Protein backbone atom coordinates (compact mmCIF):
# COMPACT_ATOMS: atom_id res chain seq x y z
CA MET A 1 -16.48 -0.48 14.05
CA THR A 2 -19.90 -2.00 13.85
CA SER A 3 -21.33 -3.92 10.95
CA ASP A 4 -23.60 -0.93 10.15
CA THR A 5 -20.54 1.27 9.79
CA LEU A 6 -18.91 -1.25 7.47
CA GLN A 7 -22.02 -1.34 5.31
CA ASP A 8 -21.59 2.41 4.68
CA HIS A 9 -18.10 1.83 3.32
CA PRO A 10 -17.89 2.87 -0.38
CA LEU A 11 -16.19 -0.37 -1.36
CA SER A 12 -18.94 -2.49 0.17
CA ARG A 13 -21.68 -0.48 -1.59
CA GLY A 14 -20.15 -1.25 -4.96
CA GLU A 15 -19.36 2.36 -5.83
CA VAL A 16 -15.92 1.33 -7.06
CA ARG A 17 -15.97 -0.93 -10.08
CA ASP A 18 -14.38 -4.32 -9.81
CA LYS A 19 -11.72 -5.47 -12.25
CA ASP A 20 -14.27 -7.88 -13.79
CA ASP A 21 -16.50 -4.95 -14.84
CA VAL A 22 -13.94 -3.71 -17.36
CA ALA A 23 -14.78 -4.70 -20.93
CA PRO A 24 -12.33 -7.24 -22.35
CA ARG A 25 -10.12 -6.21 -25.23
CA PRO A 26 -10.40 -7.84 -28.62
CA ARG A 27 -8.29 -11.00 -28.89
CA ARG A 28 -6.61 -10.00 -32.15
CA ARG A 29 -4.73 -7.23 -30.34
CA GLY A 30 -3.13 -9.79 -28.06
CA SER A 31 -2.32 -12.22 -30.86
CA LEU A 32 -0.54 -9.74 -33.16
CA PRO A 33 2.67 -9.59 -31.09
CA TRP A 34 2.79 -13.38 -30.86
CA ALA A 35 2.25 -13.71 -34.60
CA LEU A 36 5.11 -11.29 -35.27
CA VAL A 37 7.40 -13.23 -32.94
CA ALA A 38 6.46 -16.55 -34.59
CA ILE A 39 7.00 -15.25 -38.14
CA GLY A 40 10.27 -13.62 -37.11
CA ALA A 41 11.47 -16.82 -35.46
CA ALA A 42 10.62 -18.78 -38.61
CA LEU A 43 12.58 -16.30 -40.74
CA LEU A 44 15.52 -16.51 -38.34
CA PHE A 45 15.49 -20.29 -38.64
CA VAL A 46 15.25 -20.22 -42.44
CA GLY A 47 18.07 -17.67 -42.66
CA TYR A 48 20.27 -19.73 -40.36
CA TRP A 49 19.45 -22.97 -42.16
CA GLY A 50 20.30 -21.51 -45.56
CA ALA A 51 23.49 -19.80 -44.38
CA SER A 52 24.74 -22.90 -42.56
CA ASP A 53 25.21 -24.88 -45.78
CA SER A 54 28.25 -22.88 -46.83
CA THR A 55 31.35 -21.34 -45.34
CA ASP A 56 31.57 -18.85 -48.21
CA PRO A 57 30.39 -15.42 -47.03
CA GLY A 58 29.20 -14.61 -50.55
CA ARG A 59 26.68 -17.46 -50.35
CA GLN A 60 25.67 -16.71 -46.75
CA LEU A 61 24.94 -13.00 -47.29
CA PRO A 62 21.66 -13.45 -49.25
CA TYR A 63 20.26 -15.65 -46.47
CA LEU A 64 21.32 -13.18 -43.83
CA ALA A 65 19.83 -10.25 -45.75
CA SER A 66 16.55 -11.92 -46.70
CA GLY A 67 15.86 -14.10 -43.65
CA THR A 68 17.87 -13.27 -40.58
CA ALA A 69 17.72 -9.46 -40.56
CA PRO A 70 13.94 -9.21 -41.18
CA GLY A 71 13.34 -12.10 -38.78
CA LEU A 72 15.24 -10.34 -36.02
CA SER A 73 13.31 -7.13 -36.73
CA LEU A 74 9.97 -8.93 -36.45
CA VAL A 75 10.96 -10.66 -33.23
CA LEU A 76 12.04 -7.34 -31.69
CA CYS A 77 8.85 -5.56 -32.84
CA GLY A 78 6.70 -8.39 -31.44
CA ALA A 79 8.56 -8.23 -28.12
CA ALA A 80 8.08 -4.45 -27.96
CA LEU A 81 4.33 -4.86 -28.59
CA LEU A 82 4.11 -7.51 -25.87
CA ILE A 83 5.83 -5.20 -23.40
CA ARG A 84 3.56 -2.32 -24.42
CA THR A 85 0.43 -4.42 -23.92
CA GLU A 86 1.56 -5.53 -20.48
CA HIS A 87 2.43 -1.93 -19.59
CA GLU A 88 -1.09 -0.79 -20.58
CA LYS A 89 -2.63 -3.51 -18.42
CA ASP A 90 -0.44 -2.51 -15.48
CA ARG A 91 -1.36 1.18 -15.82
CA ALA A 92 -5.08 0.36 -15.97
CA GLU A 93 -4.76 -1.76 -12.84
CA VAL A 94 -2.84 1.00 -11.04
CA ARG A 95 -5.57 3.53 -11.98
CA HIS A 96 -8.22 1.16 -10.68
CA LEU A 97 -6.38 0.56 -7.40
CA GLN A 98 -5.74 4.29 -7.00
CA ALA A 99 -9.44 5.01 -7.46
CA ARG A 100 -10.29 2.43 -4.81
CA PHE A 101 -7.68 3.87 -2.46
CA ASP A 102 -8.94 7.43 -3.04
CA ALA A 103 -12.50 6.31 -2.27
CA LEU A 104 -11.31 4.63 0.91
CA LEU A 105 -9.35 7.71 2.00
CA GLY A 106 -12.31 9.96 1.27
CA TRP A 107 -14.53 7.72 3.33
CA LEU A 108 -12.05 7.67 6.22
CA GLU A 109 -11.52 11.45 6.16
CA SER A 110 -15.22 12.28 6.05
CA GLY A 111 -16.21 9.80 8.73
CA PRO A 112 -17.69 6.35 8.42
CA THR A 113 -21.35 7.48 8.29
CA ALA A 114 -20.94 10.30 5.76
CA GLU A 115 -21.05 9.98 1.99
CA PRO A 116 -17.69 9.66 0.25
CA SER A 117 -16.16 12.92 -0.93
CA GLY A 118 -14.58 13.64 -4.30
CA PRO A 119 -15.50 12.41 -7.75
CA PRO A 120 -16.79 8.88 -8.21
CA PRO A 121 -13.89 6.51 -8.82
CA SER A 122 -15.11 5.83 -12.35
CA GLU A 123 -14.52 9.52 -13.16
CA VAL A 124 -10.91 9.69 -11.97
CA PRO A 125 -8.96 11.56 -14.67
CA LEU A 126 -6.59 9.40 -16.71
CA GLY A 127 -3.71 11.90 -16.61
CA LYS A 128 -3.60 12.01 -12.82
CA ASP A 129 -0.10 11.93 -11.39
CA LEU A 130 0.44 8.43 -10.02
CA ASP A 131 3.45 9.41 -7.92
CA ALA A 132 1.60 12.08 -5.91
CA PRO A 133 0.07 10.85 -2.66
CA ALA A 134 -3.68 10.48 -2.74
CA GLY A 135 -4.16 11.96 0.74
CA SER A 136 -1.96 13.74 3.22
CA VAL A 137 -0.82 11.37 5.91
CA GLY A 138 1.27 12.96 8.64
CA PRO A 139 4.40 11.49 10.18
CA ARG A 140 3.86 8.69 12.64
């Protein structure tokens, strides 16, 4: 390939957005799970501290009911939100990489000097099946 052919490549022309072009999310969305985990951990500690003073289950039960159980719930909810946020980031990155790969396959199938075929990568539908192959590649 010559340098002129590489200049026609859709990735070198900037037709596919870079990861840096995506607008950042608000920070409060990322801090909510951490706040829930911190509050839940504090409640767990307070519940344990209060229940550890006595060996009588009748005196331990109020601490368990008012501190430990809600604290555990908050920690689990915060962890679930953290996992969800990471999953959303991963799916967005997979969509971005798939759009770049589709643009590259379209460029390779149509020939290096032709315009890329298919929709622009920024218009790739969100519900597209990620498990389906982007292009048909025969056996080697």
